[in-house]
Amino acid sequence: MLLKRAKARGVEYQVTLTIFTGEDGAKLNYQKPDQQDLRKLTIKEAEEIFNRKPCPFPAGSMGPKIKAAIKFIQDGGHAAYISKTELFDKTLAGTAGTTIVP
């Protein structure tokens, strides 16, 4: 909400959100032979995956993290990162974690 108010006043900020977790970012088909790392997603891609029935991100696990990242970007955030603490530098480089952008 603060980002929207700032933008309405003509002020631009590049604000990011980082969610640290025990996993190396979001994955499709988690812990299955065809598991797929989701390294970089646009907000549109993240919403499309999140809204699948059934949602591939469990409510008690990655679901709330993806939902928070989507909401953050919708509200004007520049980027949202989901990463393990020790992999954050690699997440910023795009080789670990998940990055969601507008």
PDB file of N, CA and C in Angstrom:
ATOM      1  N   MET A   1       0.815  -1.185   0.000  1.00  0.00           N
ATOM      2  CA  MET A   1       0.000   0.000   0.000  1.00  0.00           C
ATOM      3  C   MET A   1       0.868   1.261   0.000  1.00  0.00           C
ATOM      4  N   LEU A   2       1.945   1.233   0.767  1.00  0.00           N
ATOM      5  CA  LEU A   2       2.837   2.389   0.791  1.00  0.00           C
ATOM      6  C   LEU A   2       3.461   2.633  -0.568  1.00  0.00           C
ATOM      7  N   LEU A   3       3.788   1.555  -1.287  1.00  0.00           N
ATOM      8  CA  LEU A   3       4.373   1.704  -2.615  1.00  0.00           C
ATOM      9  C   LEU A   3       3.384   2.357  -3.566  1.00  0.00           C
ATOM     10  N   LYS A   4       2.113   1.981  -3.477  1.00  0.00           N
ATOM     11  CA  LYS A   4       1.094   2.580  -4.340  1.00  0.00           C
ATOM     12  C   LYS A   4       0.928   4.066  -4.045  1.00  0.00           C
ATOM     13  N   ARG A   5       0.959   4.417  -2.762  1.00  0.00           N
ATOM     14  CA  ARG A   5       0.830   5.838  -2.394  1.00  0.00           C
ATOM     15  C   ARG A   5       2.030   6.639  -2.888  1.00  0.00           C
ATOM     16  N   ALA A   6       3.211   6.083  -2.745  1.00  0.00           N
ATOM     17  CA  ALA A   6       4.424   6.761  -3.218  1.00  0.00           C
ATOM     18  C   ALA A   6       4.361   6.952  -4.725  1.00  0.00           C
ATOM     19  N   LYS A   7       3.943   5.914  -5.435  1.00  0.00           N
ATOM     20  CA  LYS A   7       3.853   5.993  -6.898  1.00  0.00           C
ATOM     21  C   LYS A   7       2.846   7.067  -7.312  1.00  0.00           C
ATOM     22  N   ALA A   8       1.722   7.166  -6.587  1.00  0.00           N
ATOM     23  CA  ALA A   8       0.705   8.181  -6.878  1.00  0.00           C
ATOM     24  C   ALA A   8       1.276   9.588  -6.708  1.00  0.00           C
ATOM     25  N   ARG A   9       2.265   9.731  -5.818  1.00  0.00           N
ATOM     26  CA  ARG A   9       2.911  11.038  -5.611  1.00  0.00           C
ATOM     27  C   ARG A   9       4.073  11.258  -6.577  1.00  0.00           C
ATOM     28  N   GLY A  10       4.326  10.266  -7.446  1.00  0.00           N
ATOM     29  CA  GLY A  10       5.407  10.402  -8.411  1.00  0.00           C
ATOM     30  C   GLY A  10       6.759   9.948  -7.895  1.00  0.00           C
ATOM     31  N   VAL A  11       6.774   9.264  -6.775  1.00  0.00           N
ATOM     32  CA  VAL A  11       8.020   8.765  -6.190  1.00  0.00           C
ATOM     33  C   VAL A  11       8.160   7.288  -6.553  1.00  0.00           C
ATOM     34  N   GLU A  12       9.312   6.913  -7.073  1.00  0.00           N
ATOM     35  CA  GLU A  12       9.564   5.519  -7.448  1.00  0.00           C
ATOM     36  C   GLU A  12      10.572   4.897  -6.494  1.00  0.00           C
ATOM     37  N   TYR A  13      10.213   3.761  -5.949  1.00  0.00           N
ATOM     38  CA  TYR A  13      11.120   2.970  -5.119  1.00  0.00           C
ATOM     39  C   TYR A  13      11.265   1.596  -5.752  1.00  0.00           C
ATOM     40  N   GLN A  14      12.422   1.004  -5.608  1.00  0.00           N
ATOM     41  CA  GLN A  14      12.606  -0.385  -6.018  1.00  0.00           C
ATOM     42  C   GLN A  14      12.752  -1.204  -4.745  1.00  0.00           C
ATOM     43  N   VAL A  15      11.619  -1.729  -4.286  1.00  0.00           N
ATOM     44  CA  VAL A  15      11.560  -2.460  -3.035  1.00  0.00           C
ATOM     45  C   VAL A  15      11.471  -3.949  -3.337  1.00  0.00           C
ATOM     46  N   THR A  16      12.226  -4.744  -2.588  1.00  0.00           N
ATOM     47  CA  THR A  16      12.190  -6.190  -2.773  1.00  0.00           C
ATOM     48  C   THR A  16      11.739  -6.866  -1.486  1.00  0.00           C
ATOM     49  N   LEU A  17      11.258  -8.085  -1.639  1.00  0.00           N
ATOM     50  CA  LEU A  17      10.846  -8.924  -0.519  1.00  0.00           C
ATOM     51  C   LEU A  17      11.686 -10.190  -0.580  1.00  0.00           C
ATOM     52  N   THR A  18      12.198 -10.609   0.557  1.00  0.00           N
ATOM     53  CA  THR A  18      12.918 -11.877   0.629  1.00  0.00           C
ATOM     54  C   THR A  18      12.253 -12.753   1.667  1.00  0.00           C
ATOM     55  N   ILE A  19      11.920 -13.969   1.261  1.00  0.00           N
ATOM     56  CA  ILE A  19      11.352 -14.957   2.171  1.00  0.00           C
ATOM     57  C   ILE A  19      12.375 -16.089   2.278  1.00  0.00           C
ATOM     58  N   PHE A  20      12.934 -16.254   3.465  1.00  0.00           N
ATOM     59  CA  PHE A  20      13.885 -17.335   3.676  1.00  0.00           C
ATOM     60  C   PHE A  20      13.140 -18.577   4.144  1.00  0.00           C
ATOM     61  N   THR A  21      13.511 -19.698   3.581  1.00  0.00           N
ATOM     62  CA  THR A  21      12.832 -20.957   3.856  1.00  0.00           C
ATOM     63  C   THR A  21      13.851 -22.093   3.868  1.00  0.00           C
ATOM     64  N   GLY A  22      13.391 -23.267   4.180  1.00  0.00           N
ATOM     65  CA  GLY A  22      14.283 -24.422   4.249  1.00  0.00           C
ATOM     66  C   GLY A  22      14.541 -25.083   2.912  1.00  0.00           C
ATOM     67  N   GLU A  23      13.888 -24.610   1.865  1.00  0.00           N
ATOM     68  CA  GLU A  23      14.045 -25.184   0.530  1.00  0.00           C
ATOM     69  C   GLU A  23      14.735 -24.201  -0.405  1.00  0.00           C
ATOM     70  N   ASP A  24      15.300 -24.747  -1.445  1.00  0.00           N
ATOM     71  CA  ASP A  24      15.959 -23.934  -2.464  1.00  0.00           C
ATOM     72  C   ASP A  24      14.898 -23.411  -3.443  1.00  0.00           C
ATOM     73  N   GLY A  25      13.981 -22.598  -2.948  1.00  0.00           N
ATOM     74  CA  GLY A  25      12.954 -21.995  -3.794  1.00  0.00           C
ATOM     75  C   GLY A  25      11.759 -22.896  -4.036  1.00  0.00           C
ATOM     76  N   ALA A  26      10.856 -22.402  -4.879  1.00  0.00           N
ATOM     77  CA  ALA A  26       9.626 -23.127  -5.219  1.00  0.00           C
ATOM     78  C   ALA A  26       9.924 -24.179  -6.281  1.00  0.00           C
ATOM     79  N   LYS A  27       9.148 -25.234  -6.218  1.00  0.00           N
ATOM     80  CA  LYS A  27       9.327 -26.333  -7.168  1.00  0.00           C
ATOM     81  C   LYS A  27       7.974 -26.862  -7.602  1.00  0.00           C
ATOM     82  N   LEU A  28       7.913 -27.319  -8.829  1.00  0.00           N
ATOM     83  CA  LEU A  28       6.744 -28.069  -9.285  1.00  0.00           C
ATOM     84  C   LEU A  28       7.037 -29.542  -9.069  1.00  0.00           C
ATOM     85  N   ASN A  29       6.021 -30.294  -8.736  1.00  0.00           N
ATOM     86  CA  ASN A  29       6.159 -31.742  -8.513  1.00  0.00           C
ATOM     87  C   ASN A  29       7.200 -32.040  -7.439  1.00  0.00           C
ATOM     88  N   TYR A  30       7.098 -31.312  -6.347  1.00  0.00           N
ATOM     89  CA  TYR A  30       8.056 -31.394  -5.245  1.00  0.00           C
ATOM     90  C   TYR A  30       8.287 -32.837  -4.792  1.00  0.00           C
ATOM     91  N   GLN A  31       9.539 -33.213  -4.709  1.00  0.00           N
ATOM     92  CA  GLN A  31      10.023 -34.515  -4.260  1.00  0.00           C
ATOM     93  C   GLN A  31       9.520 -35.676  -5.125  1.00  0.00           C
ATOM     94  N   LYS A  32       9.256 -35.400  -6.379  1.00  0.00           N
ATOM     95  CA  LYS A  32       8.877 -36.435  -7.337  1.00  0.00           C
ATOM     96  C   LYS A  32       9.973 -36.530  -8.391  1.00  0.00           C
ATOM     97  N   PRO A  33      10.026 -37.626  -9.136  1.00  0.00           N
ATOM     98  CA  PRO A  33      11.088 -37.783 -10.142  1.00  0.00           C
ATOM     99  C   PRO A  33      11.133 -36.651 -11.169  1.00  0.00           C
ATOM    100  N   ASP A  34       9.986 -36.037 -11.448  1.00  0.00           N
ATOM    101  CA  ASP A  34       9.940 -34.962 -12.442  1.00  0.00           C
ATOM    102  C   ASP A  34       9.932 -33.570 -11.796  1.00  0.00           C
ATOM    103  N   GLN A  35      10.493 -33.463 -10.581  1.00  0.00           N
ATOM    104  CA  GLN A  35      10.563 -32.173  -9.888  1.00  0.00           C
ATOM    105  C   GLN A  35      11.223 -31.130 -10.778  1.00  0.00           C
ATOM    106  N   GLN A  36      10.663 -29.916 -10.763  1.00  0.00           N
ATOM    107  CA  GLN A  36      11.189 -28.826 -11.595  1.00  0.00           C
ATOM    108  C   GLN A  36      11.409 -27.591 -10.730  1.00  0.00           C
ATOM    109  N   ASP A  37      12.647 -27.088 -10.705  1.00  0.00           N
ATOM    110  CA  ASP A  37      12.945 -25.846  -9.994  1.00  0.00           C
ATOM    111  C   ASP A  37      12.336 -24.673 -10.742  1.00  0.00           C
ATOM    112  N   LEU A  38      11.722 -23.770 -10.002  1.00  0.00           N
ATOM    113  CA  LEU A  38      11.183 -22.546 -10.595  1.00  0.00           C
ATOM    114  C   LEU A  38      12.125 -21.411 -10.211  1.00  0.00           C
ATOM    115  N   ARG A  39      13.043 -21.083 -11.091  1.00  0.00           N
ATOM    116  CA  ARG A  39      14.069 -20.092 -10.782  1.00  0.00           C
ATOM    117  C   ARG A  39      13.580 -18.655 -10.955  1.00  0.00           C
ATOM    118  N   LYS A  40      12.935 -18.353 -12.065  1.00  0.00           N
ATOM    119  CA  LYS A  40      12.466 -16.984 -12.291  1.00  0.00           C
ATOM    120  C   LYS A  40      11.089 -17.043 -12.934  1.00  0.00           C
ATOM    121  N   LEU A  41      10.154 -16.337 -12.319  1.00  0.00           N
ATOM    122  CA  LEU A  41       8.779 -16.284 -12.805  1.00  0.00           C
ATOM    123  C   LEU A  41       8.325 -14.838 -12.904  1.00  0.00           C
ATOM    124  N   THR A  42       7.527 -14.553 -13.919  1.00  0.00           N
ATOM    125  CA  THR A  42       6.828 -13.271 -13.934  1.00  0.00           C
ATOM    126  C   THR A  42       5.615 -13.409 -13.025  1.00  0.00           C
ATOM    127  N   ILE A  43       5.034 -12.308 -12.656  1.00  0.00           N
ATOM    128  CA  ILE A  43       3.833 -12.339 -11.819  1.00  0.00           C
ATOM    129  C   ILE A  43       2.739 -13.140 -12.524  1.00  0.00           C
ATOM    130  N   LYS A  44       2.612 -12.982 -13.832  1.00  0.00           N
ATOM    131  CA  LYS A  44       1.596 -13.716 -14.583  1.00  0.00           C
ATOM    132  C   LYS A  44       1.836 -15.223 -14.492  1.00  0.00           C
ATOM    133  N   GLU A  45       3.073 -15.644 -14.671  1.00  0.00           N
ATOM    134  CA  GLU A  45       3.404 -17.074 -14.585  1.00  0.00           C
ATOM    135  C   GLU A  45       3.132 -17.610 -13.180  1.00  0.00           C
ATOM    136  N   ALA A  46       3.539 -16.848 -12.159  1.00  0.00           N
ATOM    137  CA  ALA A  46       3.326 -17.275 -10.771  1.00  0.00           C
ATOM    138  C   ALA A  46       1.837 -17.419 -10.468  1.00  0.00           C
ATOM    139  N   GLU A  47       1.033 -16.454 -10.925  1.00  0.00           N
ATOM    140  CA  GLU A  47      -0.418 -16.521 -10.693  1.00  0.00           C
ATOM    141  C   GLU A  47      -1.032 -17.715 -11.406  1.00  0.00           C
ATOM    142  N   GLU A  48      -0.617 -17.956 -12.643  1.00  0.00           N
ATOM    143  CA  GLU A  48      -1.162 -19.086 -13.401  1.00  0.00           C
ATOM    144  C   GLU A  48      -0.853 -20.407 -12.706  1.00  0.00           C
ATOM    145  N   ILE A  49       0.358 -20.567 -12.225  1.00  0.00           N
ATOM    146  CA  ILE A  49       0.725 -21.805 -11.528  1.00  0.00           C
ATOM    147  C   ILE A  49      -0.021 -21.898 -10.195  1.00  0.00           C
ATOM    148  N   PHE A  50      -0.055 -20.812  -9.435  1.00  0.00           N
ATOM    149  CA  PHE A  50      -0.699 -20.806  -8.127  1.00  0.00           C
ATOM    150  C   PHE A  50      -2.198 -21.124  -8.240  1.00  0.00           C
ATOM    151  N   ASN A  51      -2.832 -20.664  -9.311  1.00  0.00           N
ATOM    152  CA  ASN A  51      -4.280 -20.838  -9.472  1.00  0.00           C
ATOM    153  C   ASN A  51      -4.686 -22.163 -10.104  1.00  0.00           C
ATOM    154  N   ARG A  52      -3.727 -23.033 -10.395  1.00  0.00           N
ATOM    155  CA  ARG A  52      -4.064 -24.350 -10.929  1.00  0.00           C
ATOM    156  C   ARG A  52      -4.873 -25.127  -9.897  1.00  0.00           C
ATOM    157  N   LYS A  53      -5.728 -25.989 -10.400  1.00  0.00           N
ATOM    158  CA  LYS A  53      -6.511 -26.865  -9.531  1.00  0.00           C
ATOM    159  C   LYS A  53      -6.065 -28.293  -9.758  1.00  0.00           C
ATOM    160  N   PRO A  54      -5.549 -28.970  -8.780  1.00  0.00           N
ATOM    161  CA  PRO A  54      -5.218 -28.457  -7.446  1.00  0.00           C
ATOM    162  C   PRO A  54      -3.957 -27.590  -7.493  1.00  0.00           C
ATOM    163  N   CYS A  55      -3.870 -26.693  -6.534  1.00  0.00           N
ATOM    164  CA  CYS A  55      -2.696 -25.816  -6.453  1.00  0.00           C
ATOM    165  C   CYS A  55      -1.454 -26.667  -6.177  1.00  0.00           C
ATOM    166  N   PRO A  56      -0.384 -26.495  -6.960  1.00  0.00           N
ATOM    167  CA  PRO A  56       0.819 -27.294  -6.750  1.00  0.00           C
ATOM    168  C   PRO A  56       1.637 -26.897  -5.516  1.00  0.00           C
ATOM    169  N   PHE A  57       1.228 -25.826  -4.846  1.00  0.00           N
ATOM    170  CA  PHE A  57       1.947 -25.368  -3.658  1.00  0.00           C
ATOM    171  C   PHE A  57       1.067 -25.584  -2.428  1.00  0.00           C
ATOM    172  N   PRO A  58       1.411 -26.520  -1.558  1.00  0.00           N
ATOM    173  CA  PRO A  58       0.582 -26.836  -0.401  1.00  0.00           C
ATOM    174  C   PRO A  58       0.371 -25.634   0.525  1.00  0.00           C
ATOM    175  N   ALA A  59      -0.821 -25.583   1.107  1.00  0.00           N
ATOM    176  CA  ALA A  59      -1.192 -24.475   1.999  1.00  0.00           C
ATOM    177  C   ALA A  59      -0.273 -24.391   3.220  1.00  0.00           C
ATOM    178  N   GLY A  60       0.217 -25.504   3.707  1.00  0.00           N
ATOM    179  CA  GLY A  60       1.063 -25.494   4.888  1.00  0.00           C
ATOM    180  C   GLY A  60       2.541 -25.470   4.570  1.00  0.00           C
ATOM    181  N   SER A  61       2.882 -25.148   3.337  1.00  0.00           N
ATOM    182  CA  SER A  61       4.280 -25.209   2.925  1.00  0.00           C
ATOM    183  C   SER A  61       4.629 -24.009   2.041  1.00  0.00           C
ATOM    184  N   MET A  62       4.782 -24.228   0.744  1.00  0.00           N
ATOM    185  CA  MET A  62       5.192 -23.162  -0.178  1.00  0.00           C
ATOM    186  C   MET A  62       4.025 -22.247  -0.556  1.00  0.00           C
ATOM    187  N   GLY A  63       2.799 -22.704  -0.403  1.00  0.00           N
ATOM    188  CA  GLY A  63       1.628 -21.915  -0.797  1.00  0.00           C
ATOM    189  C   GLY A  63       1.598 -20.500  -0.230  1.00  0.00           C
ATOM    190  N   PRO A  64       1.712 -20.332   1.090  1.00  0.00           N
ATOM    191  CA  PRO A  64       1.686 -18.979   1.660  1.00  0.00           C
ATOM    192  C   PRO A  64       2.842 -18.099   1.191  1.00  0.00           C
ATOM    193  N   LYS A  65       3.970 -18.707   0.915  1.00  0.00           N
ATOM    194  CA  LYS A  65       5.133 -17.935   0.448  1.00  0.00           C
ATOM    195  C   LYS A  65       4.891 -17.403  -0.969  1.00  0.00           C
ATOM    196  N   ILE A  66       4.371 -18.262  -1.832  1.00  0.00           N
ATOM    197  CA  ILE A  66       4.066 -17.836  -3.199  1.00  0.00           C
ATOM    198  C   ILE A  66       2.965 -16.781  -3.180  1.00  0.00           C
ATOM    199  N   LYS A  67       1.951 -17.000  -2.370  1.00  0.00           N
ATOM    200  CA  LYS A  67       0.843 -16.034  -2.269  1.00  0.00           C
ATOM    201  C   LYS A  67       1.350 -14.668  -1.806  1.00  0.00           C
ATOM    202  N   ALA A  68       2.232 -14.655  -0.806  1.00  0.00           N
ATOM    203  CA  ALA A  68       2.795 -13.394  -0.310  1.00  0.00           C
ATOM    204  C   ALA A  68       3.635 -12.704  -1.383  1.00  0.00           C
ATOM    205  N   ALA A  69       4.415 -13.483  -2.126  1.00  0.00           N
ATOM    206  CA  ALA A  69       5.241 -12.906  -3.192  1.00  0.00           C
ATOM    207  C   ALA A  69       4.369 -12.302  -4.285  1.00  0.00           C
ATOM    208  N   ILE A  70       3.314 -13.007  -4.659  1.00  0.00           N
ATOM    209  CA  ILE A  70       2.387 -12.491  -5.673  1.00  0.00           C
ATOM    210  C   ILE A  70       1.764 -11.185  -5.199  1.00  0.00           C
ATOM    211  N   LYS A  71       1.268 -11.160  -3.976  1.00  0.00           N
ATOM    212  CA  LYS A  71       0.628  -9.950  -3.426  1.00  0.00           C
ATOM    213  C   LYS A  71       1.623  -8.788  -3.389  1.00  0.00           C
ATOM    214  N   PHE A  72       2.851  -9.069  -2.998  1.00  0.00           N
ATOM    215  CA  PHE A  72       3.875  -8.035  -2.929  1.00  0.00           C
ATOM    216  C   PHE A  72       4.113  -7.405  -4.305  1.00  0.00           C
ATOM    217  N   ILE A  73       4.233  -8.237  -5.335  1.00  0.00           N
ATOM    218  CA  ILE A  73       4.457  -7.721  -6.687  1.00  0.00           C
ATOM    219  C   ILE A  73       3.218  -6.973  -7.178  1.00  0.00           C
ATOM    220  N   GLN A  74       2.035  -7.499  -6.902  1.00  0.00           N
ATOM    221  CA  GLN A  74       0.800  -6.811  -7.290  1.00  0.00           C
ATOM    222  C   GLN A  74       0.726  -5.420  -6.667  1.00  0.00           C
ATOM    223  N   ASP A  75       1.249  -5.280  -5.466  1.00  0.00           N
ATOM    224  CA  ASP A  75       1.214  -4.002  -4.754  1.00  0.00           C
ATOM    225  C   ASP A  75       2.358  -3.072  -5.122  1.00  0.00           C
ATOM    226  N   GLY A  76       3.134  -3.436  -6.143  1.00  0.00           N
ATOM    227  CA  GLY A  76       4.163  -2.525  -6.643  1.00  0.00           C
ATOM    228  C   GLY A  76       5.590  -2.913  -6.342  1.00  0.00           C
ATOM    229  N   GLY A  77       5.800  -4.056  -5.718  1.00  0.00           N
ATOM    230  CA  GLY A  77       7.165  -4.491  -5.417  1.00  0.00           C
ATOM    231  C   GLY A  77       7.966  -4.751  -6.685  1.00  0.00           C
ATOM    232  N   HIS A  78       9.272  -4.606  -6.579  1.00  0.00           N
ATOM    233  CA  HIS A  78      10.178  -4.764  -7.713  1.00  0.00           C
ATOM    234  C   HIS A  78      10.532  -6.225  -7.962  1.00  0.00           C
ATOM    235  N   ALA A  79      10.760  -6.984  -6.881  1.00  0.00           N
ATOM    236  CA  ALA A  79      11.094  -8.404  -6.994  1.00  0.00           C
ATOM    237  C   ALA A  79      10.834  -9.069  -5.651  1.00  0.00           C
ATOM    238  N   ALA A  80      10.463 -10.351  -5.707  1.00  0.00           N
ATOM    239  CA  ALA A  80      10.301 -11.160  -4.497  1.00  0.00           C
ATOM    240  C   ALA A  80      11.181 -12.391  -4.643  1.00  0.00           C
ATOM    241  N   TYR A  81      11.910 -12.705  -3.590  1.00  0.00           N
ATOM    242  CA  TYR A  81      12.834 -13.831  -3.600  1.00  0.00           C
ATOM    243  C   TYR A  81      12.407 -14.856  -2.555  1.00  0.00           C
ATOM    244  N   ILE A  82      12.469 -16.133  -2.936  1.00  0.00           N
ATOM    245  CA  ILE A  82      12.245 -17.237  -1.997  1.00  0.00           C
ATOM    246  C   ILE A  82      13.514 -18.070  -2.043  1.00  0.00           C
ATOM    247  N   SER A  83      14.188 -18.186  -0.890  1.00  0.00           N
ATOM    248  CA  SER A  83      15.528 -18.768  -0.906  1.00  0.00           C
ATOM    249  C   SER A  83      15.911 -19.331   0.454  1.00  0.00           C
ATOM    250  N   LYS A  84      16.901 -20.205   0.441  1.00  0.00           N
ATOM    251  CA  LYS A  84      17.586 -20.595   1.670  1.00  0.00           C
ATOM    252  C   LYS A  84      18.587 -19.482   1.982  1.00  0.00           C
ATOM    253  N   THR A  85      18.788 -19.222   3.247  1.00  0.00           N
ATOM    254  CA  THR A  85      19.715 -18.160   3.646  1.00  0.00           C
ATOM    255  C   THR A  85      21.086 -18.326   3.008  1.00  0.00           C
ATOM    256  N   GLU A  86      21.607 -19.547   3.068  1.00  0.00           N
ATOM    257  CA  GLU A  86      22.960 -19.778   2.567  1.00  0.00           C
ATOM    258  C   GLU A  86      23.056 -19.737   1.045  1.00  0.00           C
ATOM    259  N   LEU A  87      21.931 -19.688   0.359  1.00  0.00           N
ATOM    260  CA  LEU A  87      21.931 -19.627  -1.104  1.00  0.00           C
ATOM    261  C   LEU A  87      21.483 -18.268  -1.645  1.00  0.00           C
ATOM    262  N   PHE A  88      21.352 -17.280  -0.759  1.00  0.00           N
ATOM    263  CA  PHE A  88      20.786 -16.010  -1.213  1.00  0.00           C
ATOM    264  C   PHE A  88      21.635 -15.331  -2.282  1.00  0.00           C
ATOM    265  N   ASP A  89      22.960 -15.377  -2.173  1.00  0.00           N
ATOM    266  CA  ASP A  89      23.800 -14.768  -3.207  1.00  0.00           C
ATOM    267  C   ASP A  89      23.567 -15.442  -4.557  1.00  0.00           C
ATOM    268  N   LYS A  90      23.381 -16.755  -4.554  1.00  0.00           N
ATOM    269  CA  LYS A  90      23.094 -17.474  -5.791  1.00  0.00           C
ATOM    270  C   LYS A  90      21.685 -17.186  -6.290  1.00  0.00           C
ATOM    271  N   THR A  91      20.766 -16.931  -5.364  1.00  0.00           N
ATOM    272  CA  THR A  91      19.404 -16.553  -5.762  1.00  0.00           C
ATOM    273  C   THR A  91      19.434 -15.218  -6.502  1.00  0.00           C
ATOM    274  N   LEU A  92      20.186 -14.273  -5.990  1.00  0.00           N
ATOM    275  CA  LEU A  92      20.311 -12.975  -6.667  1.00  0.00           C
ATOM    276  C   LEU A  92      20.939 -13.126  -8.047  1.00  0.00           C
ATOM    277  N   ALA A  93      21.800 -14.124  -8.203  1.00  0.00           N
ATOM    278  CA  ALA A  93      22.442 -14.388  -9.499  1.00  0.00           C
ATOM    279  C   ALA A  93      21.557 -15.222 -10.424  1.00  0.00           C
ATOM    280  N   GLY A  94      20.446 -15.751  -9.885  1.00  0.00           N
ATOM    281  CA  GLY A  94      19.516 -16.523 -10.705  1.00  0.00           C
ATOM    282  C   GLY A  94      19.823 -18.004 -10.798  1.00  0.00           C
ATOM    283  N   THR A  95      20.761 -18.494  -9.988  1.00  0.00           N
ATOM    284  CA  THR A  95      21.133 -19.908 -10.068  1.00  0.00           C
ATOM    285  C   THR A  95      20.602 -20.735  -8.901  1.00  0.00           C
ATOM    286  N   ALA A  96      19.864 -20.117  -8.007  1.00  0.00           N
ATOM    287  CA  ALA A  96      19.248 -20.824  -6.888  1.00  0.00           C
ATOM    288  C   ALA A  96      17.968 -20.072  -6.523  1.00  0.00           C
ATOM    289  N   GLY A  97      17.188 -20.649  -5.623  1.00  0.00           N
ATOM    290  CA  GLY A  97      15.982 -19.985  -5.147  1.00  0.00           C
ATOM    291  C   GLY A  97      14.993 -19.693  -6.262  1.00  0.00           C
ATOM    292  N   THR A  98      13.995 -18.901  -5.928  1.00  0.00           N
ATOM    293  CA  THR A  98      12.979 -18.456  -6.873  1.00  0.00           C
ATOM    294  C   THR A  98      12.875 -16.942  -6.824  1.00  0.00           C
ATOM    295  N   THR A  99      12.831 -16.315  -7.988  1.00  0.00           N
ATOM    296  CA  THR A  99      12.644 -14.873  -8.102  1.00  0.00           C
ATOM    297  C   THR A  99      11.354 -14.629  -8.863  1.00  0.00           C
ATOM    298  N   ILE A 100      10.495 -13.787  -8.303  1.00  0.00           N
ATOM    299  CA  ILE A 100       9.252 -13.400  -8.971  1.00  0.00           C
ATOM    300  C   ILE A 100       9.327 -11.905  -9.251  1.00  0.00           C
ATOM    301  N   VAL A 101       9.060 -11.537 -10.490  1.00  0.00           N
ATOM    302  CA  VAL A 101       9.168 -10.141 -10.938  1.00  0.00           C
ATOM    303  C   VAL A 101       7.878  -9.732 -11.648  1.00  0.00           C
ATOM    304  N   PRO A 102       7.686  -8.424 -11.798  1.00  0.00           N
ATOM    305  CA  PRO A 102       6.477  -7.975 -12.519  1.00  0.00           C
ATOM    306  C   PRO A 102       6.460  -8.501 -13.942  1.00  0.00           C
TER     307      PRO A 102
END
